């Protein structure tokens, strides 16, 4: 992230607003927009989770862990570019 940039997350990632924004609801347009952005991101997370790699014990060398995760992320990325893109959010 760039200096001063913040991530948008749900309440599970609270850091007191130091690095992240955690909107509490749909009180205004900006919070509604943040909710849509989080929803889009969760659809991408679900595509990664569908591989099952995040819900199981990794039983191989830890040296391979990053390579396996990057491979899954790359496959998900190519799938989004070539087949089914996540819904768009205009902001």
PDB file of N, CA and C in Angstrom:
ATOM      1  N   UNK A   1       0.844  -1.180   0.000  1.00  0.00           N
ATOM      2  CA  UNK A   1       0.000   0.000   0.000  1.00  0.00           C
ATOM      3  C   UNK A   1       0.889   1.243   0.000  1.00  0.00           C
ATOM      4  N   UNK A   2       0.374   2.271  -0.602  1.00  0.00           N
ATOM      5  CA  UNK A   2       1.092   3.541  -0.607  1.00  0.00           C
ATOM      6  C   UNK A   2       1.005   4.204   0.764  1.00  0.00           C
ATOM      7  N   UNK A   3       1.941   5.113   1.042  1.00  0.00           N
ATOM      8  CA  UNK A   3       1.934   5.856   2.293  1.00  0.00           C
ATOM      9  C   UNK A   3       0.596   6.589   2.438  1.00  0.00           C
ATOM     10  N   UNK A   4      -0.038   6.420   3.575  1.00  0.00           N
ATOM     11  CA  UNK A   4      -1.320   7.070   3.824  1.00  0.00           C
ATOM     12  C   UNK A   4      -2.525   6.308   3.323  1.00  0.00           C
ATOM     13  N   UNK A   5      -2.296   5.267   2.540  1.00  0.00           N
ATOM     14  CA  UNK A   5      -3.395   4.459   2.011  1.00  0.00           C
ATOM     15  C   UNK A   5      -3.891   3.511   3.102  1.00  0.00           C
ATOM     16  N   UNK A   6      -5.184   3.220   3.096  1.00  0.00           N
ATOM     17  CA  UNK A   6      -5.763   2.323   4.089  1.00  0.00           C
ATOM     18  C   UNK A   6      -6.549   1.224   3.403  1.00  0.00           C
ATOM     19  N   UNK A   7      -6.675   0.093   4.093  1.00  0.00           N
ATOM     20  CA  UNK A   7      -7.498  -0.995   3.585  1.00  0.00           C
ATOM     21  C   UNK A   7      -8.898  -0.869   4.168  1.00  0.00           C
ATOM     22  N   UNK A   8      -9.864  -1.498   3.500  1.00  0.00           N
ATOM     23  CA  UNK A   8     -11.242  -1.527   3.977  1.00  0.00           C
ATOM     24  C   UNK A   8     -11.510  -2.947   4.435  1.00  0.00           C
ATOM     25  N   UNK A   9     -11.994  -3.098   5.670  1.00  0.00           N
ATOM     26  CA  UNK A   9     -12.200  -4.436   6.217  1.00  0.00           C
ATOM     27  C   UNK A   9     -13.438  -4.457   7.095  1.00  0.00           C
ATOM     28  N   UNK A  10     -13.809  -5.661   7.510  1.00  0.00           N
ATOM     29  CA  UNK A  10     -14.913  -5.766   8.453  1.00  0.00           C
ATOM     30  C   UNK A  10     -14.356  -5.663   9.867  1.00  0.00           C
ATOM     31  N   UNK A  11     -15.223  -5.792  10.843  1.00  0.00           N
ATOM     32  CA  UNK A  11     -14.835  -5.599  12.230  1.00  0.00           C
ATOM     33  C   UNK A  11     -13.777  -6.550  12.740  1.00  0.00           C
ATOM     34  N   UNK A  12     -13.547  -7.669  12.055  1.00  0.00           N
ATOM     35  CA  UNK A  12     -12.531  -8.622  12.489  1.00  0.00           C
ATOM     36  C   UNK A  12     -11.116  -8.107  12.329  1.00  0.00           C
ATOM     37  N   UNK A  13     -10.929  -7.011  11.637  1.00  0.00           N
ATOM     38  CA  UNK A  13      -9.598  -6.473  11.372  1.00  0.00           C
ATOM     39  C   UNK A  13      -9.394  -5.117  12.030  1.00  0.00           C
ATOM     40  N   UNK A  14     -10.029  -4.874  13.111  1.00  0.00           N
ATOM     41  CA  UNK A  14      -9.946  -3.563  13.768  1.00  0.00           C
ATOM     42  C   UNK A  14      -8.528  -3.278  14.241  1.00  0.00           C
ATOM     43  N   UNK A  15      -8.062  -2.091  13.915  1.00  0.00           N
ATOM     44  CA  UNK A  15      -6.746  -1.637  14.376  1.00  0.00           C
ATOM     45  C   UNK A  15      -6.809  -0.200  14.878  1.00  0.00           C
ATOM     46  N   UNK A  16      -7.987   0.232  15.247  1.00  0.00           N
ATOM     47  CA  UNK A  16      -8.150   1.590  15.740  1.00  0.00           C
ATOM     48  C   UNK A  16      -8.055   2.650  14.667  1.00  0.00           C
ATOM     49  N   UNK A  17      -8.203   2.254  13.394  1.00  0.00           N
ATOM     50  CA  UNK A  17      -8.143   3.194  12.297  1.00  0.00           C
ATOM     51  C   UNK A  17      -6.736   3.560  11.868  1.00  0.00           C
ATOM     52  N   UNK A  18      -5.755   2.875  12.418  1.00  0.00           N
ATOM     53  CA  UNK A  18      -4.365   3.192  12.077  1.00  0.00           C
ATOM     54  C   UNK A  18      -4.048   2.865  10.621  1.00  0.00           C
ATOM     55  N   UNK A  19      -4.421   1.652  10.188  1.00  0.00           N
ATOM     56  CA  UNK A  19      -4.153   1.229   8.816  1.00  0.00           C
ATOM     57  C   UNK A  19      -5.419   0.893   8.045  1.00  0.00           C
ATOM     58  N   UNK A  20      -6.496   0.617   8.754  1.00  0.00           N
ATOM     59  CA  UNK A  20      -7.702   0.166   8.078  1.00  0.00           C
ATOM     60  C   UNK A  20      -8.924   0.997   8.409  1.00  0.00           C
ATOM     61  N   UNK A  21      -9.899   0.914   7.522  1.00  0.00           N
ATOM     62  CA  UNK A  21     -11.207   1.520   7.726  1.00  0.00           C
ATOM     63  C   UNK A  21     -12.186   0.382   7.955  1.00  0.00           C
ATOM     64  N   UNK A  22     -12.952   0.463   9.026  1.00  0.00           N
ATOM     65  CA  UNK A  22     -13.934  -0.571   9.317  1.00  0.00           C
ATOM     66  C   UNK A  22     -15.304   0.076   9.504  1.00  0.00           C
ATOM     67  N   UNK A  23     -15.974   0.386   8.391  1.00  0.00           N
ATOM     68  CA  UNK A  23     -17.299   1.004   8.476  1.00  0.00           C
ATOM     69  C   UNK A  23     -18.252   0.127   9.269  1.00  0.00           C
ATOM     70  N   UNK A  24     -19.166   0.759   9.984  1.00  0.00           N
ATOM     71  CA  UNK A  24     -20.059   0.021  10.877  1.00  0.00           C
ATOM     72  C   UNK A  24     -21.416  -0.282  10.269  1.00  0.00           C
ATOM     73  N   UNK A  25     -21.700   0.211   9.097  1.00  0.00           N
ATOM     74  CA  UNK A  25     -23.018  -0.057   8.533  1.00  0.00           C
ATOM     75  C   UNK A  25     -23.275   0.706   7.266  1.00  0.00           C
ATOM     76  N   UNK A  26     -24.547   0.971   7.035  1.00  0.00           N
ATOM     77  CA  UNK A  26     -24.989   1.641   5.814  1.00  0.00           C
ATOM     78  C   UNK A  26     -25.519   3.029   6.136  1.00  0.00           C
ATOM     79  N   UNK A  27     -24.778   3.768   6.948  1.00  0.00           N
ATOM     80  CA  UNK A  27     -25.256   5.068   7.420  1.00  0.00           C
ATOM     81  C   UNK A  27     -25.195   6.161   6.369  1.00  0.00           C
ATOM     82  N   UNK A  28     -24.330   6.002   5.372  1.00  0.00           N
ATOM     83  CA  UNK A  28     -24.207   7.031   4.346  1.00  0.00           C
ATOM     84  C   UNK A  28     -23.678   6.386   3.065  1.00  0.00           C
ATOM     85  N   UNK A  29     -23.569   7.188   2.030  1.00  0.00           N
ATOM     86  CA  UNK A  29     -23.142   6.661   0.731  1.00  0.00           C
ATOM     87  C   UNK A  29     -21.764   6.022   0.806  1.00  0.00           C
ATOM     88  N   UNK A  30     -20.819   6.648   1.503  1.00  0.00           N
ATOM     89  CA  UNK A  30     -19.464   6.102   1.576  1.00  0.00           C
ATOM     90  C   UNK A  30     -19.460   4.728   2.241  1.00  0.00           C
ATOM     91  N   UNK A  31     -20.208   4.548   3.314  1.00  0.00           N
ATOM     92  CA  UNK A  31     -20.261   3.238   3.967  1.00  0.00           C
ATOM     93  C   UNK A  31     -20.930   2.198   3.073  1.00  0.00           C
ATOM     94  N   UNK A  32     -21.933   2.597   2.304  1.00  0.00           N
ATOM     95  CA  UNK A  32     -22.561   1.670   1.356  1.00  0.00           C
ATOM     96  C   UNK A  32     -21.560   1.256   0.285  1.00  0.00           C
ATOM     97  N   UNK A  33     -20.773   2.209  -0.188  1.00  0.00           N
ATOM     98  CA  UNK A  33     -19.754   1.918  -1.193  1.00  0.00           C
ATOM     99  C   UNK A  33     -18.708   0.966  -0.623  1.00  0.00           C
ATOM    100  N   UNK A  34     -18.249   1.217   0.590  1.00  0.00           N
ATOM    101  CA  UNK A  34     -17.272   0.340   1.227  1.00  0.00           C
ATOM    102  C   UNK A  34     -17.832  -1.069   1.385  1.00  0.00           C
ATOM    103  N   UNK A  35     -19.115  -1.187   1.710  1.00  0.00           N
ATOM    104  CA  UNK A  35     -19.743  -2.502   1.854  1.00  0.00           C
ATOM    105  C   UNK A  35     -19.728  -3.253   0.518  1.00  0.00           C
ATOM    106  N   UNK A  36     -19.992  -2.538  -0.589  1.00  0.00           N
ATOM    107  CA  UNK A  36     -19.948  -3.180  -1.907  1.00  0.00           C
ATOM    108  C   UNK A  36     -18.527  -3.617  -2.259  1.00  0.00           C
ATOM    109  N   UNK A  37     -17.541  -2.786  -1.923  1.00  0.00           N
ATOM    110  CA  UNK A  37     -16.149  -3.142  -2.201  1.00  0.00           C
ATOM    111  C   UNK A  37     -15.754  -4.371  -1.403  1.00  0.00           C
ATOM    112  N   UNK A  38     -16.141  -4.415  -0.122  1.00  0.00           N
ATOM    113  CA  UNK A  38     -15.829  -5.599   0.696  1.00  0.00           C
ATOM    114  C   UNK A  38     -16.511  -6.842   0.129  1.00  0.00           C
ATOM    115  N   UNK A  39     -17.741  -6.707  -0.328  1.00  0.00           N
ATOM    116  CA  UNK A  39     -18.465  -7.847  -0.896  1.00  0.00           C
ATOM    117  C   UNK A  39     -17.757  -8.367  -2.142  1.00  0.00           C
ATOM    118  N   UNK A  40     -17.279  -7.453  -2.989  1.00  0.00           N
ATOM    119  CA  UNK A  40     -16.541  -7.875  -4.181  1.00  0.00           C
ATOM    120  C   UNK A  40     -15.279  -8.634  -3.767  1.00  0.00           C
ATOM    121  N   UNK A  41     -14.580  -8.112  -2.789  1.00  0.00           N
ATOM    122  CA  UNK A  41     -13.360  -8.771  -2.335  1.00  0.00           C
ATOM    123  C   UNK A  41     -13.667 -10.152  -1.752  1.00  0.00           C
ATOM    124  N   UNK A  42     -14.774 -10.278  -1.038  1.00  0.00           N
ATOM    125  CA  UNK A  42     -15.141 -11.580  -0.471  1.00  0.00           C
ATOM    126  C   UNK A  42     -15.458 -12.597  -1.560  1.00  0.00           C
ATOM    127  N   UNK A  43     -15.979 -12.163  -2.714  1.00  0.00           N
ATOM    128  CA  UNK A  43     -16.203 -13.119  -3.800  1.00  0.00           C
ATOM    129  C   UNK A  43     -14.871 -13.654  -4.319  1.00  0.00           C
ATOM    130  N   UNK A  44     -13.851 -12.798  -4.321  1.00  0.00           N
ATOM    131  CA  UNK A  44     -12.524 -13.250  -4.742  1.00  0.00           C
ATOM    132  C   UNK A  44     -11.944 -14.190  -3.693  1.00  0.00           C
ATOM    133  N   UNK A  45     -12.104 -13.846  -2.411  1.00  0.00           N
ATOM    134  CA  UNK A  45     -11.642 -14.744  -1.348  1.00  0.00           C
ATOM    135  C   UNK A  45     -12.285 -16.113  -1.474  1.00  0.00           C
ATOM    136  N   UNK A  46     -13.579 -16.146  -1.792  1.00  0.00           N
ATOM    137  CA  UNK A  46     -14.270 -17.440  -1.897  1.00  0.00           C
ATOM    138  C   UNK A  46     -13.712 -18.267  -3.048  1.00  0.00           C
ATOM    139  N   UNK A  47     -13.278 -17.607  -4.118  1.00  0.00           N
ATOM    140  CA  UNK A  47     -12.669 -18.349  -5.231  1.00  0.00           C
ATOM    141  C   UNK A  47     -11.349 -18.977  -4.795  1.00  0.00           C
ATOM    142  N   UNK A  48     -10.576 -18.254  -3.993  1.00  0.00           N
ATOM    143  CA  UNK A  48      -9.328 -18.817  -3.475  1.00  0.00           C
ATOM    144  C   UNK A  48      -9.634 -19.948  -2.505  1.00  0.00           C
ATOM    145  N   UNK A  49     -10.614 -19.749  -1.630  1.00  0.00           N
ATOM    146  CA  UNK A  49     -10.958 -20.761  -0.639  1.00  0.00           C
ATOM    147  C   UNK A  49     -11.517 -22.025  -1.279  1.00  0.00           C
ATOM    148  N   UNK A  50     -12.098 -21.904  -2.476  1.00  0.00           N
ATOM    149  CA  UNK A  50     -12.685 -23.084  -3.127  1.00  0.00           C
ATOM    150  C   UNK A  50     -11.634 -24.146  -3.435  1.00  0.00           C
ATOM    151  N   UNK A  51     -10.368 -23.757  -3.468  1.00  0.00           N
ATOM    152  CA  UNK A  51      -9.291 -24.722  -3.694  1.00  0.00           C
ATOM    153  C   UNK A  51      -9.018 -25.564  -2.450  1.00  0.00           C
ATOM    154  N   UNK A  52      -9.517 -25.146  -1.315  1.00  0.00           N
ATOM    155  CA  UNK A  52      -9.347 -25.909  -0.089  1.00  0.00           C
ATOM    156  C   UNK A  52      -7.983 -25.740   0.568  1.00  0.00           C
ATOM    157  N   UNK A  53      -7.112 -24.954   0.006  1.00  0.00           N
ATOM    158  CA  UNK A  53      -5.753 -24.824   0.533  1.00  0.00           C
ATOM    159  C   UNK A  53      -5.705 -24.044   1.846  1.00  0.00           C
ATOM    160  N   UNK A  54      -6.714 -23.223   2.102  1.00  0.00           N
ATOM    161  CA  UNK A  54      -6.690 -22.416   3.316  1.00  0.00           C
ATOM    162  C   UNK A  54      -7.353 -23.106   4.496  1.00  0.00           C
ATOM    163  N   UNK A  55      -8.077 -24.169   4.252  1.00  0.00           N
ATOM    164  CA  UNK A  55      -8.817 -24.836   5.315  1.00  0.00           C
ATOM    165  C   UNK A  55      -8.210 -26.142   5.784  1.00  0.00           C
ATOM    166  N   UNK A  56      -7.075 -26.469   5.252  1.00  0.00           N
ATOM    167  CA  UNK A  56      -6.428 -27.732   5.610  1.00  0.00           C
ATOM    168  C   UNK A  56      -5.011 -27.473   6.095  1.00  0.00           C
ATOM    169  N   UNK A  57      -4.479 -28.433   6.830  1.00  0.00           N
ATOM    170  CA  UNK A  57      -3.086 -28.349   7.252  1.00  0.00           C
ATOM    171  C   UNK A  57      -2.197 -28.569   6.040  1.00  0.00           C
ATOM    172  N   UNK A  58      -1.230 -27.694   5.854  1.00  0.00           N
ATOM    173  CA  UNK A  58      -0.292 -27.827   4.740  1.00  0.00           C
ATOM    174  C   UNK A  58       0.709 -28.907   5.112  1.00  0.00           C
ATOM    175  N   UNK A  59       0.734 -30.006   4.383  1.00  0.00           N
ATOM    176  CA  UNK A  59       1.523 -31.180   4.749  1.00  0.00           C
ATOM    177  C   UNK A  59       2.802 -31.329   3.927  1.00  0.00           C
ATOM    178  N   UNK A  60       3.274 -30.236   3.399  1.00  0.00           N
ATOM    179  CA  UNK A  60       4.496 -30.281   2.596  1.00  0.00           C
ATOM    180  C   UNK A  60       5.511 -29.321   3.208  1.00  0.00           C
ATOM    181  N   UNK A  61       6.644 -29.213   2.596  1.00  0.00           N
ATOM    182  CA  UNK A  61       7.680 -28.314   3.074  1.00  0.00           C
ATOM    183  C   UNK A  61       7.146 -26.883   3.118  1.00  0.00           C
ATOM    184  N   UNK A  62       7.453 -26.162   4.203  1.00  0.00           N
ATOM    185  CA  UNK A  62       7.016 -24.774   4.300  1.00  0.00           C
ATOM    186  C   UNK A  62       7.610 -23.916   3.191  1.00  0.00           C
ATOM    187  N   UNK A  63       8.718 -24.359   2.614  1.00  0.00           N
ATOM    188  CA  UNK A  63       9.304 -23.634   1.488  1.00  0.00           C
ATOM    189  C   UNK A  63       8.354 -23.590   0.294  1.00  0.00           C
ATOM    190  N   UNK A  64       7.454 -24.550   0.199  1.00  0.00           N
ATOM    191  CA  UNK A  64       6.513 -24.620  -0.923  1.00  0.00           C
ATOM    192  C   UNK A  64       5.226 -23.851  -0.670  1.00  0.00           C
ATOM    193  N   UNK A  65       4.983 -23.465   0.569  1.00  0.00           N
ATOM    194  CA  UNK A  65       3.705 -22.855   0.927  1.00  0.00           C
ATOM    195  C   UNK A  65       3.410 -21.605   0.102  1.00  0.00           C
ATOM    196  N   UNK A  66       4.345 -20.690   0.020  1.00  0.00           N
ATOM    197  CA  UNK A  66       4.141 -19.464  -0.753  1.00  0.00           C
ATOM    198  C   UNK A  66       3.943 -19.745  -2.224  1.00  0.00           C
ATOM    199  N   UNK A  67       4.688 -20.712  -2.733  1.00  0.00           N
ATOM    200  CA  UNK A  67       4.574 -21.060  -4.156  1.00  0.00           C
ATOM    201  C   UNK A  67       3.185 -21.621  -4.454  1.00  0.00           C
ATOM    202  N   UNK A  68       2.680 -22.459  -3.571  1.00  0.00           N
ATOM    203  CA  UNK A  68       1.344 -23.035  -3.773  1.00  0.00           C
ATOM    204  C   UNK A  68       0.289 -21.937  -3.714  1.00  0.00           C
ATOM    205  N   UNK A  69       0.389 -21.050  -2.720  1.00  0.00           N
ATOM    206  CA  UNK A  69      -0.602 -19.988  -2.608  1.00  0.00           C
ATOM    207  C   UNK A  69      -0.549 -19.056  -3.817  1.00  0.00           C
ATOM    208  N   UNK A  70       0.653 -18.678  -4.249  1.00  0.00           N
ATOM    209  CA  UNK A  70       0.769 -17.811  -5.434  1.00  0.00           C
ATOM    210  C   UNK A  70       0.209 -18.499  -6.671  1.00  0.00           C
ATOM    211  N   UNK A  71       0.407 -19.794  -6.785  1.00  0.00           N
ATOM    212  CA  UNK A  71      -0.138 -20.528  -7.934  1.00  0.00           C
ATOM    213  C   UNK A  71      -1.657 -20.461  -7.945  1.00  0.00           C
ATOM    214  N   UNK A  72      -2.268 -20.687  -6.784  1.00  0.00           N
ATOM    215  CA  UNK A  72      -3.725 -20.609  -6.687  1.00  0.00           C
ATOM    216  C   UNK A  72      -4.189 -19.192  -7.008  1.00  0.00           C
ATOM    217  N   UNK A  73      -3.512 -18.185  -6.450  1.00  0.00           N
ATOM    218  CA  UNK A  73      -3.888 -16.795  -6.710  1.00  0.00           C
ATOM    219  C   UNK A  73      -3.774 -16.468  -8.196  1.00  0.00           C
ATOM    220  N   UNK A  74      -2.742 -16.972  -8.853  1.00  0.00           N
ATOM    221  CA  UNK A  74      -2.574 -16.725 -10.292  1.00  0.00           C
ATOM    222  C   UNK A  74      -3.676 -17.388 -11.102  1.00  0.00           C
ATOM    223  N   UNK A  75      -4.052 -18.599 -10.739  1.00  0.00           N
ATOM    224  CA  UNK A  75      -5.134 -19.282 -11.453  1.00  0.00           C
ATOM    225  C   UNK A  75      -6.438 -18.514 -11.281  1.00  0.00           C
ATOM    226  N   UNK A  76      -6.714 -18.060 -10.065  1.00  0.00           N
ATOM    227  CA  UNK A  76      -7.922 -17.271  -9.811  1.00  0.00           C
ATOM    228  C   UNK A  76      -7.880 -15.980 -10.630  1.00  0.00           C
ATOM    229  N   UNK A  77      -6.725 -15.333 -10.690  1.00  0.00           N
ATOM    230  CA  UNK A  77      -6.586 -14.092 -11.459  1.00  0.00           C
ATOM    231  C   UNK A  77      -6.857 -14.327 -12.940  1.00  0.00           C
ATOM    232  N   UNK A  78      -6.275 -15.366 -13.512  1.00  0.00           N
ATOM    233  CA  UNK A  78      -6.476 -15.662 -14.930  1.00  0.00           C
ATOM    234  C   UNK A  78      -7.950 -15.994 -15.187  1.00  0.00           C
ATOM    235  N   UNK A  79      -8.557 -16.736 -14.281  1.00  0.00           N
ATOM    236  CA  UNK A  79      -9.972 -17.070 -14.430  1.00  0.00           C
ATOM    237  C   UNK A  79     -10.821 -15.807 -14.439  1.00  0.00           C
ATOM    238  N   UNK A  80     -10.491 -14.847 -13.570  1.00  0.00           N
ATOM    239  CA  UNK A  80     -11.250 -13.593 -13.546  1.00  0.00           C
ATOM    240  C   UNK A  80     -11.047 -12.803 -14.824  1.00  0.00           C
ATOM    241  N   UNK A  81      -9.848 -12.830 -15.369  1.00  0.00           N
ATOM    242  CA  UNK A  81      -9.569 -12.072 -16.593  1.00  0.00           C
ATOM    243  C   UNK A  81     -10.178 -12.722 -17.831  1.00  0.00           C
ATOM    244  N   UNK A  82     -10.198 -14.033 -17.869  1.00  0.00           N
ATOM    245  CA  UNK A  82     -10.610 -14.745 -19.077  1.00  0.00           C
ATOM    246  C   UNK A  82     -12.044 -15.258 -19.050  1.00  0.00           C
ATOM    247  N   UNK A  83     -12.602 -15.489 -17.868  1.00  0.00           N
ATOM    248  CA  UNK A  83     -13.916 -16.136 -17.810  1.00  0.00           C
ATOM    249  C   UNK A  83     -14.948 -15.344 -17.018  1.00  0.00           C
ATOM    250  N   UNK A  84     -14.774 -15.262 -15.715  1.00  0.00           N
ATOM    251  CA  UNK A  84     -15.804 -14.667 -14.872  1.00  0.00           C
ATOM    252  C   UNK A  84     -15.208 -13.589 -13.973  1.00  0.00           C
ATOM    253  N   UNK A  85     -15.289 -12.360 -14.432  1.00  0.00           N
ATOM    254  CA  UNK A  85     -14.801 -11.238 -13.641  1.00  0.00           C
ATOM    255  C   UNK A  85     -15.729 -10.976 -12.472  1.00  0.00           C
ATOM    256  N   UNK A  86     -15.201 -10.504 -11.345  1.00  0.00           N
ATOM    257  CA  UNK A  86     -16.101 -10.129 -10.245  1.00  0.00           C
ATOM    258  C   UNK A  86     -16.908  -8.905 -10.646  1.00  0.00           C
ATOM    259  N   UNK A  87     -18.019  -8.695  -9.963  1.00  0.00           N
ATOM    260  CA  UNK A  87     -18.856  -7.543 -10.292  1.00  0.00           C
ATOM    261  C   UNK A  87     -18.070  -6.251 -10.060  1.00  0.00           C
ATOM    262  N   UNK A  88     -18.409  -5.244 -10.829  1.00  0.00           N
ATOM    263  CA  UNK A  88     -17.706  -3.973 -10.758  1.00  0.00           C
ATOM    264  C   UNK A  88     -18.362  -3.031  -9.757  1.00  0.00           C
ATOM    265  N   UNK A  89     -17.535  -2.237  -9.113  1.00  0.00           N
ATOM    266  CA  UNK A  89     -18.009  -1.200  -8.206  1.00  0.00           C
ATOM    267  C   UNK A  89     -17.484   0.121  -8.746  1.00  0.00           C
ATOM    268  N   UNK A  90     -18.388   1.054  -9.008  1.00  0.00           N
ATOM    269  CA  UNK A  90     -17.992   2.364  -9.504  1.00  0.00           C
ATOM    270  C   UNK A  90     -17.725   3.299  -8.340  1.00  0.00           C
ATOM    271  N   UNK A  91     -16.513   3.818  -8.259  1.00  0.00           N
ATOM    272  CA  UNK A  91     -16.178   4.779  -7.207  1.00  0.00           C
ATOM    273  C   UNK A  91     -15.187   5.791  -7.711  1.00  0.00           C
TER     274      UNK A  91
END
